[in-house]
Protein backbone atom coordinates (compact mmCIF):
# COMPACT_ATOMS: atom_id res chain seq x y z
CA MET A 1 23.58 67.63 -47.01
CA SER A 2 21.47 68.47 -44.07
CA LYS A 3 21.03 65.92 -41.20
CA LYS A 4 17.77 64.74 -40.30
CA ARG A 5 16.41 65.59 -37.07
CA TYR A 6 14.01 62.99 -35.14
CA THR A 7 11.64 64.10 -32.55
CA GLU A 8 11.85 62.65 -29.15
CA GLU A 9 9.01 60.28 -29.74
CA GLN A 10 10.42 58.96 -32.85
CA ILE A 11 13.44 58.08 -31.21
CA ILE A 12 11.86 56.37 -28.20
CA GLY A 13 9.95 54.18 -30.83
CA PHE A 14 13.15 53.36 -32.58
CA LEU A 15 14.72 52.29 -29.26
CA LYS A 16 11.63 50.08 -28.30
CA ALA A 17 11.02 48.32 -31.83
CA PRO A 18 13.80 45.71 -31.08
CA GLU A 19 11.50 44.45 -28.40
CA THR A 20 9.12 43.48 -31.56
CA SER A 21 11.79 40.88 -32.45
CA ARG A 22 12.61 42.72 -35.82
CA PRO A 23 16.13 42.57 -36.53
CA VAL A 24 18.26 45.78 -35.71
CA THR A 25 19.33 45.88 -39.34
CA GLU A 26 16.20 45.79 -40.77
CA LEU A 27 14.68 48.80 -38.63
CA CYS A 28 17.75 50.99 -39.27
CA ARG A 29 17.27 50.30 -42.96
CA GLN A 30 13.61 51.27 -42.51
CA HIS A 31 14.13 54.61 -40.62
CA GLY A 32 17.38 55.27 -42.66
CA LEU A 33 19.57 54.96 -39.65
CA SER A 34 23.20 53.55 -39.58
CA ASN A 35 23.66 50.60 -37.20
CA GLY A 36 26.07 52.61 -35.43
CA SER A 37 24.02 55.65 -34.72
CA PHE A 38 21.33 53.20 -33.57
CA TYR A 39 23.47 51.50 -30.77
CA THR A 40 25.27 55.22 -30.02
């Protein structure tokens, strides 16, 4: 299985997303990330 690669813009969007008051768990599931990857 190959790793997904995200652009710098996508990563910035993921990091700013919790400011929209959506749960991190929901955001991670939507973008196919684990919670651990998000916090790393």
